[in-house]
């Protein structure tokens, strides 16, 4: 049976049937939801969903892939948990977050969108100084040459 791993946005969208029996949500996503207006709804359906706390080893693999794509700076710990959970249980991610989709795609994890189309191609990012335009392969906040901010852009 296919298991769907939901991120917070997928739950908030209310476009997902949460009682279908094949939904898994990372503990950190539940923590974000339980802070909001959907807390009562999530409590009522908790018997229909599985909750997972992804292991450290899978999180480590996801962080490495996110470093390689250049998405590590825009992924939250909860985003990393979503990808890690999908990797650990071979699930399909349900998310409109393009950084999640990008890292998942690099790792061979399937994903679907909720309200938006999914990304069309995998992206790898590099970083460029906004002043002297020096290219960096890894993120640095300030250019070591001229002191301007460094921003990410597609390779």
N, C-alpha and C. Protein backbone atom coordinates (compact mmCIF):
# COMPACT_ATOMS: atom_id res chain seq x y z
N UNK A 1 0.84 -1.18 0.00
CA UNK A 1 0.00 0.00 0.00
C UNK A 1 0.89 1.25 0.00
N UNK A 2 0.55 2.23 -0.81
CA UNK A 2 1.29 3.48 -0.88
C UNK A 2 0.99 4.31 0.36
N UNK A 3 2.05 4.83 0.96
CA UNK A 3 1.91 5.70 2.13
C UNK A 3 2.28 7.11 1.72
N UNK A 4 1.47 8.07 2.10
CA UNK A 4 1.70 9.47 1.79
C UNK A 4 2.21 10.19 3.03
N UNK A 5 3.32 10.92 2.86
CA UNK A 5 3.92 11.70 3.94
C UNK A 5 3.53 13.15 3.71
N UNK A 6 2.80 13.73 4.65
CA UNK A 6 2.30 15.09 4.49
C UNK A 6 3.17 16.10 5.21
N UNK A 7 3.39 17.24 4.55
CA UNK A 7 4.01 18.35 5.26
C UNK A 7 2.91 19.23 5.84
N UNK A 8 3.28 20.23 6.58
CA UNK A 8 2.31 21.08 7.27
C UNK A 8 1.38 21.77 6.28
N UNK A 9 1.94 22.26 5.18
CA UNK A 9 1.12 22.95 4.18
C UNK A 9 0.04 22.07 3.58
N UNK A 10 0.35 20.80 3.38
CA UNK A 10 -0.64 19.87 2.82
C UNK A 10 -1.82 19.70 3.77
N UNK A 11 -1.53 19.66 5.06
CA UNK A 11 -2.61 19.52 6.04
C UNK A 11 -3.42 20.82 6.13
N UNK A 12 -2.74 21.93 6.18
CA UNK A 12 -3.43 23.22 6.28
C UNK A 12 -4.32 23.48 5.07
N UNK A 13 -3.92 22.96 3.90
CA UNK A 13 -4.71 23.18 2.68
C UNK A 13 -6.11 22.59 2.77
N UNK A 14 -6.25 21.56 3.60
CA UNK A 14 -7.52 20.83 3.77
C UNK A 14 -7.99 20.17 2.47
N UNK A 15 -7.07 19.92 1.55
CA UNK A 15 -7.40 19.25 0.29
C UNK A 15 -7.03 17.77 0.32
N UNK A 16 -6.70 17.26 1.48
CA UNK A 16 -6.27 15.88 1.62
C UNK A 16 -7.26 15.15 2.51
N UNK A 17 -7.64 13.93 2.11
CA UNK A 17 -8.50 13.10 2.94
C UNK A 17 -7.63 12.46 4.01
N UNK A 18 -7.69 12.99 5.21
CA UNK A 18 -6.81 12.54 6.28
C UNK A 18 -7.25 11.25 6.94
N UNK A 19 -8.41 10.73 6.58
CA UNK A 19 -8.86 9.47 7.19
C UNK A 19 -8.82 8.31 6.20
N UNK A 20 -8.00 8.44 5.17
CA UNK A 20 -7.90 7.39 4.16
C UNK A 20 -7.12 6.18 4.65
N UNK A 21 -6.41 6.30 5.75
CA UNK A 21 -5.70 5.17 6.31
C UNK A 21 -4.29 4.96 5.81
N UNK A 22 -3.84 5.75 4.85
CA UNK A 22 -2.48 5.58 4.35
C UNK A 22 -1.69 6.90 4.43
N UNK A 23 -1.92 7.61 5.53
CA UNK A 23 -1.28 8.90 5.76
C UNK A 23 -0.29 8.76 6.91
N UNK A 24 0.89 9.32 6.71
CA UNK A 24 1.91 9.34 7.76
C UNK A 24 2.40 10.78 7.90
N UNK A 25 2.56 11.20 9.13
CA UNK A 25 2.96 12.58 9.40
C UNK A 25 4.12 12.56 10.38
N UNK A 26 5.21 13.27 10.06
CA UNK A 26 6.30 13.35 11.03
C UNK A 26 5.87 14.04 12.33
N UNK A 27 6.50 13.67 13.41
CA UNK A 27 6.21 14.24 14.73
C UNK A 27 6.30 15.77 14.68
N UNK A 28 7.30 16.30 13.99
CA UNK A 28 7.49 17.75 13.94
C UNK A 28 6.34 18.45 13.20
N UNK A 29 5.76 17.80 12.20
CA UNK A 29 4.60 18.37 11.51
C UNK A 29 3.42 18.41 12.47
N UNK A 30 3.23 17.32 13.20
CA UNK A 30 2.14 17.30 14.20
C UNK A 30 2.34 18.42 15.21
N UNK A 31 3.58 18.66 15.60
CA UNK A 31 3.86 19.74 16.54
C UNK A 31 3.46 21.09 15.99
N UNK A 32 3.74 21.33 14.71
CA UNK A 32 3.34 22.60 14.10
C UNK A 32 1.82 22.71 13.99
N UNK A 33 1.16 21.63 13.63
CA UNK A 33 -0.29 21.64 13.49
C UNK A 33 -0.97 21.81 14.84
N UNK A 34 -0.48 21.15 15.83
CA UNK A 34 -1.09 21.22 17.16
C UNK A 34 -0.99 22.59 17.78
N UNK A 35 -0.17 23.44 17.20
CA UNK A 35 -0.07 24.82 17.69
C UNK A 35 -1.15 25.71 17.06
N UNK A 36 -1.75 25.26 15.97
CA UNK A 36 -2.66 26.11 15.21
C UNK A 36 -4.12 25.76 15.40
N UNK A 37 -4.93 26.29 14.49
CA UNK A 37 -6.39 26.13 14.55
C UNK A 37 -6.83 24.70 14.27
N UNK A 38 -6.02 23.92 13.60
CA UNK A 38 -6.40 22.56 13.24
C UNK A 38 -6.19 21.55 14.37
N UNK A 39 -5.76 22.01 15.53
CA UNK A 39 -5.45 21.10 16.64
C UNK A 39 -6.63 20.18 16.95
N UNK A 40 -7.80 20.71 17.07
CA UNK A 40 -8.97 19.89 17.42
C UNK A 40 -9.24 18.85 16.34
N UNK A 41 -9.17 19.26 15.07
CA UNK A 41 -9.40 18.32 13.97
C UNK A 41 -8.37 17.19 13.98
N UNK A 42 -7.10 17.53 14.21
CA UNK A 42 -6.05 16.52 14.23
C UNK A 42 -6.25 15.56 15.39
N UNK A 43 -6.67 16.07 16.53
CA UNK A 43 -6.94 15.20 17.68
C UNK A 43 -8.05 14.21 17.36
N UNK A 44 -9.06 14.67 16.63
CA UNK A 44 -10.20 13.81 16.30
C UNK A 44 -9.85 12.70 15.32
N UNK A 45 -8.90 12.94 14.45
CA UNK A 45 -8.55 11.93 13.43
C UNK A 45 -7.25 11.20 13.73
N UNK A 46 -6.69 11.41 14.90
CA UNK A 46 -5.38 10.83 15.21
C UNK A 46 -5.35 9.31 15.07
N UNK A 47 -6.49 8.65 15.23
CA UNK A 47 -6.51 7.18 15.08
C UNK A 47 -6.36 6.74 13.63
N UNK A 48 -6.55 7.65 12.67
CA UNK A 48 -6.49 7.31 11.25
C UNK A 48 -5.14 7.58 10.60
N UNK A 49 -4.25 8.24 11.33
CA UNK A 49 -2.96 8.60 10.75
C UNK A 49 -1.83 7.98 11.56
N UNK A 50 -0.73 7.75 10.89
CA UNK A 50 0.47 7.27 11.57
C UNK A 50 1.40 8.45 11.78
N UNK A 51 2.10 8.42 12.88
CA UNK A 51 3.07 9.47 13.18
C UNK A 51 4.44 8.83 13.26
N UNK A 52 5.42 9.45 12.62
CA UNK A 52 6.78 8.90 12.58
C UNK A 52 7.78 9.94 13.04
N UNK A 53 8.79 9.47 13.73
CA UNK A 53 9.93 10.30 14.09
C UNK A 53 11.12 9.72 13.33
N UNK A 54 11.49 10.33 12.20
CA UNK A 54 12.54 9.75 11.36
C UNK A 54 13.86 9.61 12.13
N UNK A 55 14.60 8.57 11.79
CA UNK A 55 15.86 8.32 12.48
C UNK A 55 16.94 9.30 12.04
N UNK A 56 17.90 9.45 12.91
CA UNK A 56 19.01 10.37 12.68
C UNK A 56 19.76 10.04 11.38
N UNK A 57 19.93 8.76 11.08
CA UNK A 57 20.67 8.37 9.88
C UNK A 57 19.99 8.86 8.61
N UNK A 58 18.66 8.82 8.57
CA UNK A 58 17.94 9.29 7.38
C UNK A 58 18.01 10.82 7.29
N UNK A 59 17.94 11.49 8.43
CA UNK A 59 18.07 12.95 8.44
C UNK A 59 19.45 13.37 7.92
N UNK A 60 20.45 12.62 8.29
CA UNK A 60 21.81 12.91 7.85
C UNK A 60 21.92 12.78 6.32
N UNK A 61 21.31 11.74 5.76
CA UNK A 61 21.31 11.56 4.31
C UNK A 61 20.60 12.71 3.60
N UNK A 62 19.48 13.16 4.18
CA UNK A 62 18.72 14.26 3.58
C UNK A 62 19.53 15.55 3.64
N UNK A 63 20.16 15.82 4.76
CA UNK A 63 20.98 17.04 4.87
C UNK A 63 22.10 17.04 3.83
N UNK A 64 22.72 15.89 3.62
CA UNK A 64 23.80 15.78 2.63
C UNK A 64 23.26 16.09 1.23
N UNK A 65 22.12 15.52 0.87
CA UNK A 65 21.51 15.79 -0.44
C UNK A 65 21.13 17.26 -0.58
N UNK A 66 20.61 17.85 0.50
CA UNK A 66 20.21 19.27 0.46
C UNK A 66 21.43 20.17 0.33
N UNK A 67 22.56 19.77 0.91
CA UNK A 67 23.81 20.52 0.72
C UNK A 67 24.22 20.46 -0.75
N UNK A 68 24.09 19.29 -1.35
CA UNK A 68 24.49 19.11 -2.74
C UNK A 68 23.62 19.92 -3.70
N UNK A 69 22.32 20.03 -3.42
CA UNK A 69 21.45 20.81 -4.30
C UNK A 69 21.52 22.30 -4.01
N UNK A 70 21.98 22.66 -2.81
CA UNK A 70 22.02 24.06 -2.40
C UNK A 70 20.74 24.50 -1.70
N UNK A 71 19.87 23.55 -1.35
CA UNK A 71 18.60 23.88 -0.70
C UNK A 71 18.68 23.87 0.83
N UNK A 72 19.80 23.50 1.40
CA UNK A 72 19.90 23.31 2.84
C UNK A 72 19.52 24.58 3.62
N UNK A 73 19.82 25.74 3.10
CA UNK A 73 19.54 27.00 3.82
C UNK A 73 18.06 27.35 3.84
N UNK A 74 17.27 26.78 2.94
CA UNK A 74 15.84 27.13 2.90
C UNK A 74 14.94 26.04 3.48
N UNK A 75 15.53 24.91 3.85
CA UNK A 75 14.74 23.83 4.45
C UNK A 75 14.71 23.98 5.97
N UNK A 76 13.53 23.86 6.55
CA UNK A 76 13.41 23.86 8.01
C UNK A 76 13.68 22.44 8.52
N UNK A 77 13.82 22.31 9.82
CA UNK A 77 13.99 20.98 10.41
C UNK A 77 12.77 20.10 10.12
N UNK A 78 11.59 20.72 10.11
CA UNK A 78 10.37 19.97 9.79
C UNK A 78 10.40 19.50 8.34
N UNK A 79 10.87 20.33 7.42
CA UNK A 79 11.01 19.92 6.02
C UNK A 79 11.95 18.72 5.90
N UNK A 80 13.05 18.77 6.62
CA UNK A 80 14.01 17.66 6.61
C UNK A 80 13.36 16.40 7.15
N UNK A 81 12.52 16.55 8.19
CA UNK A 81 11.80 15.39 8.73
C UNK A 81 10.85 14.78 7.71
N UNK A 82 10.17 15.62 6.94
CA UNK A 82 9.24 15.12 5.92
C UNK A 82 9.99 14.27 4.89
N UNK A 83 11.09 14.80 4.39
CA UNK A 83 11.87 14.06 3.40
C UNK A 83 12.46 12.79 4.01
N UNK A 84 12.97 12.90 5.23
CA UNK A 84 13.56 11.75 5.93
C UNK A 84 12.53 10.65 6.15
N UNK A 85 11.33 11.03 6.54
CA UNK A 85 10.27 10.04 6.77
C UNK A 85 9.93 9.31 5.48
N UNK A 86 9.83 10.06 4.39
CA UNK A 86 9.52 9.44 3.09
C UNK A 86 10.63 8.49 2.67
N UNK A 87 11.86 8.88 2.91
CA UNK A 87 13.00 8.02 2.58
C UNK A 87 12.99 6.75 3.44
N UNK A 88 12.71 6.92 4.71
CA UNK A 88 12.76 5.79 5.66
C UNK A 88 11.68 4.75 5.38
N UNK A 89 10.48 5.19 5.01
CA UNK A 89 9.38 4.22 4.82
C UNK A 89 8.98 4.07 3.35
N UNK A 90 9.77 4.62 2.46
CA UNK A 90 9.50 4.56 1.01
C UNK A 90 8.12 5.10 0.68
N UNK A 91 7.81 6.27 1.23
CA UNK A 91 6.52 6.91 0.99
C UNK A 91 6.60 7.97 -0.08
N UNK A 92 5.46 8.54 -0.41
CA UNK A 92 5.35 9.63 -1.38
C UNK A 92 5.07 10.91 -0.61
N UNK A 93 5.85 11.94 -0.88
CA UNK A 93 5.69 13.22 -0.20
C UNK A 93 4.56 14.00 -0.83
N UNK A 94 3.72 14.60 0.01
CA UNK A 94 2.66 15.49 -0.44
C UNK A 94 3.02 16.88 0.07
N UNK A 95 3.44 17.75 -0.87
CA UNK A 95 3.93 19.08 -0.50
C UNK A 95 3.96 19.99 -1.71
N UNK A 96 3.69 21.26 -1.48
CA UNK A 96 3.84 22.28 -2.51
C UNK A 96 5.19 23.00 -2.39
N UNK A 97 6.00 22.61 -1.43
CA UNK A 97 7.29 23.25 -1.18
C UNK A 97 8.31 22.78 -2.23
N UNK A 98 8.77 23.72 -3.04
CA UNK A 98 9.68 23.36 -4.13
C UNK A 98 11.04 22.87 -3.64
N UNK A 99 11.52 23.38 -2.52
CA UNK A 99 12.80 22.90 -1.99
C UNK A 99 12.67 21.45 -1.52
N UNK A 100 11.55 21.13 -0.87
CA UNK A 100 11.30 19.74 -0.47
C UNK A 100 11.27 18.86 -1.72
N UNK A 101 10.53 19.29 -2.73
CA UNK A 101 10.42 18.51 -3.97
C UNK A 101 11.78 18.34 -4.64
N UNK A 102 12.58 19.39 -4.63
CA UNK A 102 13.88 19.36 -5.29
C UNK A 102 14.81 18.34 -4.62
N UNK A 103 14.88 18.37 -3.30
CA UNK A 103 15.74 17.43 -2.59
C UNK A 103 15.19 16.01 -2.71
N UNK A 104 13.87 15.88 -2.59
CA UNK A 104 13.26 14.55 -2.74
C UNK A 104 13.58 13.97 -4.11
N UNK A 105 13.44 14.77 -5.15
CA UNK A 105 13.74 14.30 -6.51
C UNK A 105 15.19 13.86 -6.65
N UNK A 106 16.10 14.59 -6.07
CA UNK A 106 17.52 14.21 -6.12
C UNK A 106 17.74 12.86 -5.46
N UNK A 107 16.94 12.57 -4.42
CA UNK A 107 17.11 11.33 -3.68
C UNK A 107 16.26 10.19 -4.23
N UNK A 108 15.52 10.45 -5.30
CA UNK A 108 14.68 9.41 -5.90
C UNK A 108 13.38 9.16 -5.16
N UNK A 109 12.97 10.13 -4.34
CA UNK A 109 11.72 10.02 -3.59
C UNK A 109 10.60 10.64 -4.42
N UNK A 110 9.49 9.95 -4.54
CA UNK A 110 8.36 10.48 -5.29
C UNK A 110 7.66 11.56 -4.47
N UNK A 111 7.04 12.51 -5.18
CA UNK A 111 6.31 13.59 -4.52
C UNK A 111 5.17 14.03 -5.41
N UNK A 112 4.14 14.58 -4.79
CA UNK A 112 3.02 15.19 -5.51
C UNK A 112 2.70 16.52 -4.84
N UNK A 113 2.09 17.41 -5.60
CA UNK A 113 1.68 18.70 -5.07
C UNK A 113 0.27 18.63 -4.52
N UNK A 114 -0.12 19.68 -3.84
CA UNK A 114 -1.47 19.78 -3.28
C UNK A 114 -2.28 20.79 -4.09
N UNK A 115 -1.82 22.02 -4.11
CA UNK A 115 -2.54 23.09 -4.81
C UNK A 115 -1.75 23.66 -5.99
N UNK A 116 -0.45 23.41 -6.02
CA UNK A 116 0.41 23.91 -7.09
C UNK A 116 0.94 22.75 -7.91
N UNK A 117 1.38 23.06 -9.12
CA UNK A 117 2.06 22.05 -9.92
C UNK A 117 3.41 21.77 -9.27
N UNK A 118 3.91 20.57 -9.48
CA UNK A 118 5.22 20.22 -8.95
C UNK A 118 6.31 20.83 -9.82
N UNK A 119 7.53 20.81 -9.31
CA UNK A 119 8.65 21.37 -10.07
C UNK A 119 8.83 20.57 -11.37
N UNK A 120 9.27 21.26 -12.38
CA UNK A 120 9.44 20.64 -13.70
C UNK A 120 10.80 19.97 -13.86
N UNK A 121 11.81 20.48 -13.19
CA UNK A 121 13.14 19.88 -13.28
C UNK A 121 13.88 20.10 -11.97
N UNK A 122 14.83 19.20 -11.73
CA UNK A 122 15.64 19.33 -10.54
C UNK A 122 16.57 20.53 -10.69
N UNK A 123 16.78 21.24 -9.58
CA UNK A 123 17.64 22.42 -9.59
C UNK A 123 18.85 22.16 -8.70
N UNK A 124 19.96 22.70 -9.13
CA UNK A 124 21.12 22.79 -8.26
C UNK A 124 21.45 24.27 -8.19
N UNK A 125 21.78 24.70 -7.00
CA UNK A 125 22.01 26.12 -6.74
C UNK A 125 23.49 26.38 -6.51
N UNK A 126 23.88 27.57 -6.88
CA UNK A 126 25.18 28.07 -6.48
C UNK A 126 24.94 29.46 -5.90
N UNK A 127 25.97 30.07 -5.43
CA UNK A 127 25.81 31.32 -4.71
C UNK A 127 26.71 32.38 -5.34
N UNK A 128 26.14 33.60 -5.48
CA UNK A 128 26.87 34.68 -6.16
C UNK A 128 26.80 35.94 -5.34
N UNK A 129 27.92 36.63 -5.27
CA UNK A 129 27.99 37.91 -4.58
C UNK A 129 27.17 38.93 -5.35
N UNK A 130 26.39 39.73 -4.64
CA UNK A 130 25.58 40.76 -5.28
C UNK A 130 26.41 41.98 -5.68
N UNK A 131 27.66 42.04 -5.21
CA UNK A 131 28.54 43.15 -5.56
C UNK A 131 29.48 42.78 -6.70
N UNK A 132 30.52 42.01 -6.38
CA UNK A 132 31.55 41.68 -7.37
C UNK A 132 31.20 40.46 -8.22
N UNK A 133 30.10 39.76 -7.87
CA UNK A 133 29.57 38.62 -8.62
C UNK A 133 30.43 37.36 -8.53
N UNK A 134 31.29 37.28 -7.52
CA UNK A 134 32.08 36.07 -7.29
C UNK A 134 31.12 34.91 -7.03
N UNK A 135 31.43 33.76 -7.61
CA UNK A 135 30.62 32.56 -7.46
C UNK A 135 31.19 31.70 -6.32
N UNK A 136 30.27 31.23 -5.47
CA UNK A 136 30.63 30.31 -4.38
C UNK A 136 29.85 29.02 -4.57
N UNK A 137 30.48 27.89 -4.30
CA UNK A 137 29.77 26.62 -4.40
C UNK A 137 28.96 26.33 -3.14
N UNK A 138 29.36 26.88 -2.02
CA UNK A 138 28.65 26.73 -0.74
C UNK A 138 28.22 28.10 -0.26
N UNK A 139 27.16 28.14 0.54
CA UNK A 139 26.65 29.41 1.03
C UNK A 139 27.63 30.08 1.98
N UNK A 140 27.85 31.35 1.75
CA UNK A 140 28.51 32.24 2.70
C UNK A 140 27.63 33.48 2.75
N UNK A 141 27.40 34.05 3.92
CA UNK A 141 26.47 35.19 4.00
C UNK A 141 27.02 36.47 3.38
N UNK A 142 28.36 36.65 3.47
CA UNK A 142 28.98 37.88 2.99
C UNK A 142 30.19 37.52 2.15
N UNK A 143 30.34 38.21 1.04
CA UNK A 143 31.46 37.96 0.13
C UNK A 143 32.79 38.27 0.83
N UNK A 144 33.71 37.34 0.71
CA UNK A 144 35.02 37.51 1.34
C UNK A 144 35.88 38.54 0.62
N UNK A 145 35.48 38.91 -0.61
CA UNK A 145 36.26 39.86 -1.39
C UNK A 145 35.77 41.29 -1.19
N UNK A 146 34.46 41.50 -1.36
CA UNK A 146 33.95 42.88 -1.33
C UNK A 146 32.98 43.17 -0.19
N UNK A 147 32.53 42.14 0.52
CA UNK A 147 31.67 42.38 1.67
C UNK A 147 30.18 42.49 1.38
N UNK A 148 29.77 42.32 0.12
CA UNK A 148 28.35 42.36 -0.22
C UNK A 148 27.66 41.04 0.15
N UNK A 149 26.33 41.07 0.17
CA UNK A 149 25.55 39.87 0.45
C UNK A 149 25.71 38.85 -0.66
N UNK A 150 25.62 37.58 -0.30
CA UNK A 150 25.70 36.49 -1.27
C UNK A 150 24.31 35.87 -1.37
N UNK A 151 23.81 35.70 -2.59
CA UNK A 151 22.48 35.14 -2.86
C UNK A 151 22.60 33.87 -3.68
N UNK A 152 21.59 33.01 -3.59
CA UNK A 152 21.62 31.79 -4.38
C UNK A 152 20.95 32.02 -5.73
N UNK A 153 21.39 31.26 -6.73
CA UNK A 153 20.79 31.29 -8.06
C UNK A 153 21.04 29.95 -8.73
N UNK A 154 20.23 29.57 -9.72
CA UNK A 154 20.39 28.25 -10.36
C UNK A 154 21.72 28.15 -11.09
N UNK A 155 22.30 26.94 -11.03
CA UNK A 155 23.54 26.69 -11.79
C UNK A 155 23.27 26.73 -13.26
